[in-house]
Structure formats: structure tokens, C-alpha cells
Protein backbone atom coordinates (compact mmCIF):
# COMPACT_ATOMS: atom_id res chain seq x y z
CA MET A 1 -5.94 -2.03 -22.45
CA THR A 2 -6.70 -5.72 -22.74
CA GLY A 3 -7.16 -5.95 -18.97
CA ASN A 4 -9.53 -2.97 -18.99
CA LEU A 5 -11.66 -4.50 -21.75
CA GLN A 6 -11.78 -7.77 -19.85
CA ALA A 7 -12.92 -5.98 -16.73
CA ILE A 8 -15.59 -3.95 -18.56
CA GLY A 9 -16.95 -6.97 -20.41
CA PHE A 10 -17.00 -9.12 -17.31
CA LEU A 11 -18.69 -6.37 -15.27
CA PHE A 12 -21.42 -5.91 -17.90
CA SER A 13 -22.09 -9.65 -18.02
CA TRP A 14 -22.13 -9.98 -14.26
CA VAL A 15 -24.53 -7.06 -13.77
CA LEU A 16 -26.86 -8.69 -16.30
CA LEU A 17 -26.62 -11.96 -14.37
CA TRP A 18 -27.34 -10.09 -11.13
CA CYS A 19 -30.52 -8.60 -12.60
CA LEU A 20 -31.78 -11.83 -14.17
CA GLY A 21 -30.83 -13.89 -11.14
CA GLY A 22 -32.55 -11.43 -8.82
CA VAL A 23 -35.77 -11.67 -10.81
CA ALA A 24 -35.60 -15.46 -10.74
CA PHE A 25 -34.88 -15.45 -7.00
CA ASP A 26 -37.90 -13.19 -6.35
CA SER A 27 -40.08 -15.44 -8.46
CA VAL A 28 -39.14 -18.45 -6.36
CA LEU A 29 -39.92 -16.57 -3.15
CA ALA A 30 -43.25 -15.35 -4.59
CA ARG A 31 -44.29 -18.87 -5.53
CA ALA A 32 -43.44 -19.98 -2.01
CA GLY A 33 -45.74 -17.25 -0.68
CA LEU A 34 -42.91 -15.32 0.97
CA LEU A 35 -43.25 -12.31 -1.34
CA SER A 36 -46.26 -10.54 -2.73
CA PRO A 37 -46.21 -8.19 -5.75
CA GLY A 38 -46.00 -4.50 -4.85
CA ASN A 39 -45.19 -5.08 -1.17
CA THR A 40 -41.75 -4.68 0.34
CA THR A 41 -41.13 -7.13 3.17
CA VAL A 42 -38.22 -7.91 5.44
CA ILE A 43 -37.73 -11.14 3.53
CA GLY A 44 -37.62 -9.21 0.27
CA VAL A 45 -34.95 -6.86 1.61
CA LEU A 46 -32.90 -9.69 3.06
CA SER A 47 -33.10 -11.67 -0.16
CA PHE A 48 -31.88 -8.64 -2.11
CA LEU A 49 -28.91 -8.17 0.25
CA VAL A 50 -28.00 -11.85 0.29
CA TRP A 51 -28.20 -12.17 -3.50
CA THR A 52 -26.19 -8.99 -4.04
CA ALA A 53 -23.47 -10.12 -1.59
CA ALA A 54 -23.32 -13.59 -3.14
CA ILE A 55 -23.11 -12.34 -6.71
CA SER A 56 -20.49 -9.72 -5.76
CA LEU A 57 -18.18 -12.13 -3.96
CA GLY A 58 -18.72 -14.83 -6.56
CA GLY A 59 -18.06 -12.39 -9.39
CA TRP A 60 -14.86 -11.13 -7.82
CA ALA A 61 -13.57 -14.65 -7.18
CA LEU A 62 -14.40 -15.82 -10.70
CA PHE A 63 -12.94 -12.72 -12.35
CA ASN A 64 -9.72 -13.09 -10.42
CA ARG A 65 -9.50 -16.80 -11.26
CA ILE A 66 -10.16 -16.30 -14.99
CA THR A 67 -7.96 -13.28 -15.62
CA GLY A 68 -5.36 -13.42 -12.89
CA LEU A 69 -5.22 -9.63 -13.16
CA SER A 70 -5.46 -8.98 -9.46
CA LYS A 71 -2.28 -10.11 -7.79
CA ALA A 72 -1.98 -10.92 -4.13
CA GLY A 73 0.58 -9.05 -2.07
CA PRO A 74 4.03 -10.60 -1.70
CA GLN A 75 3.88 -13.79 0.37
CA GLN A 76 7.10 -13.10 2.25
CA GLN A 77 7.65 -9.53 3.38
CA GLU A 78 10.32 -9.77 6.08
CA ASP A 79 13.91 -10.73 5.20
CA CYS A 80 12.97 -11.42 1.57
CA TRP A 81 16.60 -11.13 0.48
CA SER A 82 19.55 -13.03 1.91
CA ALA A 83 22.02 -10.50 0.53
CA ILE A 84 21.97 -7.02 -0.97
CA PRO A 85 20.26 -7.22 -4.39
CA THR A 86 22.58 -6.45 -7.28
CA GLU A 87 20.42 -3.53 -8.45
CA LEU A 88 20.50 -1.94 -5.01
CA GLU A 89 24.22 -2.56 -4.69
CA GLN A 90 24.79 -0.66 -7.92
CA TRP A 91 22.69 2.22 -6.64
CA LEU A 92 24.63 2.26 -3.36
CA GLY A 93 27.84 2.66 -5.36
CA GLN A 94 27.11 6.38 -5.81
CA LEU A 95 27.20 6.99 -2.03
CA ASP A 96 30.18 7.46 0.23
CA PRO A 97 31.29 4.27 2.01
CA LEU A 98 30.22 3.77 5.61
CA ALA A 99 32.59 4.37 8.48
CA GLN A 100 33.55 1.45 10.71
CA GLY A 101 30.61 0.35 12.86
CA GLN A 102 28.14 2.48 10.92
CA GLN A 103 24.93 1.20 9.35
CA ARG A 104 22.87 2.43 6.43
CA LEU A 105 19.09 2.42 6.36
CA VAL A 106 17.78 2.56 2.79
CA VAL A 107 14.06 3.22 2.46
CA LEU A 108 12.36 2.85 -0.89
CA LEU A 109 9.27 4.98 -0.54
CA SER A 110 6.19 4.68 -2.69
CA GLN A 111 4.83 7.75 -4.52
CA LEU A 112 5.71 10.79 -2.43
CA GLY A 113 2.02 11.67 -2.11
CA ASP A 114 1.26 8.23 -0.68
CA PHE A 115 0.19 7.85 2.96
CA ASP A 116 2.99 5.33 3.49
CA SER A 117 5.71 7.67 2.27
CA VAL A 118 4.56 10.59 4.41
CA GLU A 119 4.08 8.47 7.54
CA TYR A 120 7.40 6.70 7.10
CA ALA A 121 9.24 10.00 6.74
CA GLN A 122 7.44 11.38 9.82
CA ALA A 123 8.45 8.28 11.81
CA LEU A 124 12.06 8.70 10.72
CA MET A 125 12.12 12.37 11.67
CA HIS A 126 10.57 11.57 15.04
CA HIS A 127 13.58 9.33 15.80
CA TRP A 128 16.16 11.28 13.81
CA SER A 129 18.39 12.21 16.74
CA GLU A 130 18.40 8.58 17.95
CA LEU A 131 19.33 7.36 14.48
CA HIS A 132 22.21 9.82 14.37
CA ILE A 133 23.48 8.73 17.79
CA GLN A 134 23.34 5.06 16.70
CA GLY A 135 25.41 5.88 13.62
CA ILE A 136 22.67 5.01 11.14
CA ASP A 137 22.96 6.76 7.78
CA VAL A 138 19.43 7.18 6.42
CA ARG A 139 18.76 7.35 2.68
CA ALA A 140 15.40 7.39 0.96
CA VAL A 141 14.32 6.83 -2.64
CA GLY A 142 10.91 8.21 -3.55
CA ILE A 143 8.75 8.14 -6.68
CA GLY A 144 8.35 11.70 -7.93
CA ASP A 145 10.07 14.66 -9.50
CA SER A 146 11.91 17.69 -8.17
CA GLY A 147 8.67 19.50 -7.36
CA SER A 148 7.17 16.62 -5.38
CA GLY A 149 10.50 16.04 -3.63
CA GLU A 150 10.74 19.67 -2.54
CA ARG A 151 7.16 19.74 -1.24
CA PHE A 152 7.61 16.37 0.51
CA CYS A 153 10.73 17.49 2.36
CA GLN A 154 9.17 20.81 3.26
CA TYR A 155 6.12 19.11 4.80
CA THR A 156 7.78 16.14 6.55
CA GLY A 157 11.10 17.78 7.42
CA PHE A 158 13.04 14.98 5.73
CA PRO A 159 16.48 16.25 4.56
CA ALA A 160 16.40 16.91 0.84
CA GLU A 161 20.04 15.86 0.42
CA ARG A 162 19.12 12.37 1.64
CA LEU A 163 16.22 11.89 -0.74
CA SER A 164 16.77 10.50 -4.23
CA LEU A 165 14.01 10.70 -6.82
CA GLU A 166 12.82 8.02 -9.24
CA PRO A 167 10.21 9.58 -11.59
CA GLU A 168 9.70 6.22 -13.35
CA ALA A 169 10.02 4.00 -10.24
CA LEU A 170 12.97 2.37 -12.00
CA LEU A 171 14.74 1.02 -8.91
CA HIS A 172 11.45 -0.26 -7.49
CA ARG A 173 10.78 -2.19 -10.69
CA GLN A 174 14.33 -3.49 -10.94
CA LEU A 175 14.01 -4.91 -7.43
CA GLY A 176 10.68 -6.53 -8.30
CA LEU A 177 8.75 -4.70 -5.60
CA TYR A 178 5.00 -5.13 -5.41
CA SER A 179 3.34 -2.94 -8.04
CA GLY A 180 -0.18 -3.29 -6.59
CA VAL A 181 -3.37 -4.78 -7.99
CA GLU A 182 -4.30 -4.38 -11.65
CA GLY A 183 -7.35 -4.88 -13.84
CA PHE A 184 -9.83 -2.48 -12.26
CA GLY A 185 -9.72 0.08 -15.06
CA GLY A 186 -6.70 2.26 -14.28
CA PRO A 187 -4.60 3.70 -11.43
CA TRP A 188 -7.47 5.24 -9.46
CA PRO A 189 -9.79 2.17 -9.46
CA ASN A 190 -6.78 -0.03 -8.68
CA LEU A 191 -5.87 2.20 -5.75
CA LEU A 192 -9.44 2.20 -4.44
CA ALA A 193 -9.51 -1.60 -4.64
CA MET A 194 -6.36 -1.72 -2.51
CA CYS A 195 -7.92 0.74 -0.05
CA ALA A 196 -10.72 -1.83 0.32
CA GLY A 197 -8.12 -4.48 1.16
CA ILE A 198 -8.09 -6.22 -2.24
CA GLY A 199 -4.54 -7.40 -2.92
CA SER A 200 -3.45 -5.31 0.03
CA PRO A 201 -3.25 -7.42 3.19
CA GLY A 202 -3.37 -5.58 6.48
CA THR A 203 -4.69 -2.31 5.07
CA LEU A 204 -8.13 -2.41 6.66
CA ARG A 205 -6.68 -3.53 9.99
CA GLU A 206 -4.27 -0.60 9.94
CA VAL A 207 -7.04 1.85 9.02
CA LEU A 208 -9.05 0.65 12.01
CA ARG A 209 -6.00 1.01 14.26
CA GLY A 210 -6.00 4.65 13.33
CA TYR A 211 -9.34 5.02 15.10
CA HIS A 212 -8.96 2.80 18.16
CA GLY A 213 -5.25 3.48 18.75
CA GLY A 214 -4.13 -0.15 19.06
CA GLY A 215 -3.20 0.34 22.73
CA LYS A 216 -0.17 2.49 21.87
CA ALA A 217 -1.94 5.72 20.96
CA LEU A 218 -5.07 7.59 21.95
CA PRO A 219 -8.22 6.75 19.98
CA PHE A 220 -8.48 8.82 16.78
CA TRP A 221 -4.98 10.27 17.30
CA ILE A 222 -3.43 8.36 14.38
CA ALA A 223 -6.53 8.99 12.25
CA SER A 224 -6.26 12.73 12.91
CA ILE A 225 -2.62 12.73 11.77
CA ARG A 226 -3.59 10.81 8.63
CA LEU A 227 -6.40 13.27 7.98
CA ARG A 228 -3.94 16.16 8.21
CA ASN A 229 -1.59 14.34 5.82
CA MET A 230 -4.45 13.67 3.43
CA ILE A 231 -5.46 17.33 3.41
CA GLU A 232 -1.85 18.31 2.64
CA VAL A 233 -1.49 15.83 -0.21
CA LEU A 234 -4.90 16.41 -1.82
CA GLY A 235 -4.38 20.16 -1.57
CA HIS A 236 -1.19 19.80 -3.67
CA TRP A 237 -2.03 16.64 -5.58
CA SER A 238 -0.48 17.49 -8.93
CA THR A 239 2.75 18.42 -7.14
CA TYR A 240 2.97 15.28 -5.05
CA VAL A 241 1.78 12.94 -7.80
CA PRO A 242 3.08 14.14 -11.19
CA ASP A 243 2.57 10.68 -12.73
CA GLU A 244 -0.45 8.62 -11.61
CA ARG A 245 0.89 5.42 -13.19
CA TRP A 246 2.79 4.63 -9.99
CA MET A 247 0.02 5.25 -7.48
CA THR A 248 -0.13 1.62 -6.37
CA GLN A 249 3.60 0.90 -6.47
CA ARG A 250 4.90 -0.25 -3.08
CA GLY A 251 8.31 0.15 -1.50
CA ALA A 252 10.84 -1.68 0.68
CA THR A 253 13.33 -1.25 3.52
CA PHE A 254 16.96 -2.37 3.75
CA LEU A 255 19.41 -2.15 6.67
CA ILE A 256 23.07 -2.65 5.75
CA ASN A 257 26.26 -2.65 7.83
CA ASP A 258 29.74 -1.33 7.02
CA GLN A 259 30.75 -4.75 5.66
CA SER A 260 28.03 -4.55 2.99
CA GLU A 261 26.06 -7.24 4.77
CA LEU A 262 22.28 -7.15 4.69
CA LEU A 263 21.00 -7.08 8.27
CA TYR A 264 17.31 -6.67 7.57
CA SER A 265 14.87 -6.24 4.70
CA TRP A 266 11.17 -5.67 4.31
CA LYS A 267 8.96 -5.68 1.22
CA ASP A 268 5.73 -3.65 1.47
CA PRO A 269 2.72 -5.95 0.92
CA GLY A 270 0.12 -3.21 0.42
CA LEU A 271 -1.16 0.20 1.48
CA LEU A 272 -0.21 1.24 5.03
CA GLY A 273 2.17 -1.71 5.16
CA PHE A 274 5.63 -0.13 5.12
CA SER A 275 6.60 -1.90 8.35
CA ALA A 276 6.02 -5.27 10.01
CA THR A 277 5.04 -3.35 13.16
CA MET A 278 3.10 -0.30 12.08
CA SER A 279 2.56 0.82 15.67
CA GLU A 280 6.37 1.03 16.00
CA PRO A 281 7.68 1.24 12.42
CA LEU A 282 11.37 1.27 13.38
CA SER A 283 11.28 -1.53 15.96
CA PHE A 284 13.35 -3.74 13.64
CA LEU A 285 16.36 -1.54 14.45
CA LYS A 286 16.22 -2.72 18.07
CA ARG A 287 16.11 -6.36 16.99
CA THR A 288 19.01 -6.05 14.56
CA THR A 289 21.09 -4.18 17.15
CA VAL A 290 20.58 -7.04 19.61
CA ASP A 291 21.31 -9.70 16.96
CA SER A 292 24.47 -8.03 15.79
């Protein structure tokens, strides 16, 4: 609540400054003979755009500096842990031990209605037979309830018996995973800020890749898949997202061998950032196979 009041008060003050500053700016231009009352000129339009851009960027920078409410994404995403975190190790204790030579891929998904969760599951299912041949036991932990889990598995094809549910994102919070930006007035404004790239590095680049293909896919192919996913999620929003508090919560990836050694880890830095190589989300498996 305190953060929301700060944001509202700051926004009101900054809008007032924008209005007063704009009037003062126009007055200076009028005195210089560049503007005339009642006439809209190119200079007038440009001055409006420049002032608006300056006050917006300056306001955002100052707000972030004063409040510290908007956090940057995690600085180190790849191999953040040198060993299996204690909290994850405790969670793994409920699973059957791995056979000799086997590996376990543990994916902490974000909210099950999140683009990242759906795309990650689709990538896993696309390579499911290869993962089985390589002896990789896949387990996923998603934020949601039984209803969202059932719908998620039905849509993506991910095996329900390999999906664990965390309605309160408990494991995510215990591991200290990135919870997303804060201070924009609630889950929805916070999510929209991240969609704009605020506190979510790489998001805009990945959105653009969806349209131009990035050299590994046809233009608009990825965007069309994401559009289909969006239609599915929005059409069943209350099922996929039973609790909007966790809309910005990010996930992580862990690859573990049969000796309980951590081979690889990744911490999601923002939206559409569930892999270091989004064009090939599971490419880290090739690297770890070669290293081991």
C-alpha cells in the first residue's frame, strides 16, 4: 500500500510539473518568435514531443532512485548456484532417486498462464522423445491450482504426473527467484511495465524476434504461436491465473545428475527469458552433455 501511495503521489506531482513546464517552455519559444498563439507549427509539435519524452524519462529515473521500488532483473542468470540449493534439495527428497547415469531436469515455471510457462512446456514436449532417450527425468513446478494445472497439461501436452503445483509460489520465494518489478500500482500495472522492458531485460528483443524470426524461424511464425497461446490463456484466464499476486513471479531451471551434483542452473531475468538461448531453449543440455 505504501508503494502504491508513493507512486500515485509522485505521478500527480510529475503530471503537474509536466503541465507547468510545458507552459513555460512554450512561453520561451513564443518570446523567441518560434511560436505564435493559436497556430500549430512543426516546432510546436516537436517541442511537445521532446518535453514529454524528457519529463517521462526523467520522472521514471527519479522515481526509481527515490523509492527503489522497481528492481532490476537478476544480474547473474546462468549458473547462479554452485550447488543444489537446500530448499530445492528438500523438495527433491519426495522424488524417487535417479538411476545410474540418469539426469534430472527441474523447471520452475512462472504462473501457468504465463507466456514463459506455456512456451517452455511446448519446447519440452517438442523434444520429449530425445529427453527420454538421453535418460533425462523432467519435473516441473508451476504456480497455480489443480484447475490451472489440468488446463495447462491439456493444452501443452505436458504430463500431469510430472507437474507439481505451488499455489503460493512458495518454492520460488524460498529460492529467492526474481519476483518482478513493483511499485506501479498492483499486479497488472507491474506486468505491463515488464512487458515494456522495465525491470525485464531482453523482453522487447524477444518480442521482436517473434516477428522477424531471428534467422531460425520464418518471420511471424513465433508470433503466431504466441498469439495462439495468448488466445488460449485469455479465453480461460480465471482458470490459468487463480491468484494474480504472482503474475510477475519468474522461474528457474536446474539440471542435476545421479550424484546430486548441479550441472547447470538458470534464473529467469524477466518476461520471455526462461532460457539463455530463447531460439533454442534447451541448448544447454548439449553443452552439459559435452562437459560431462
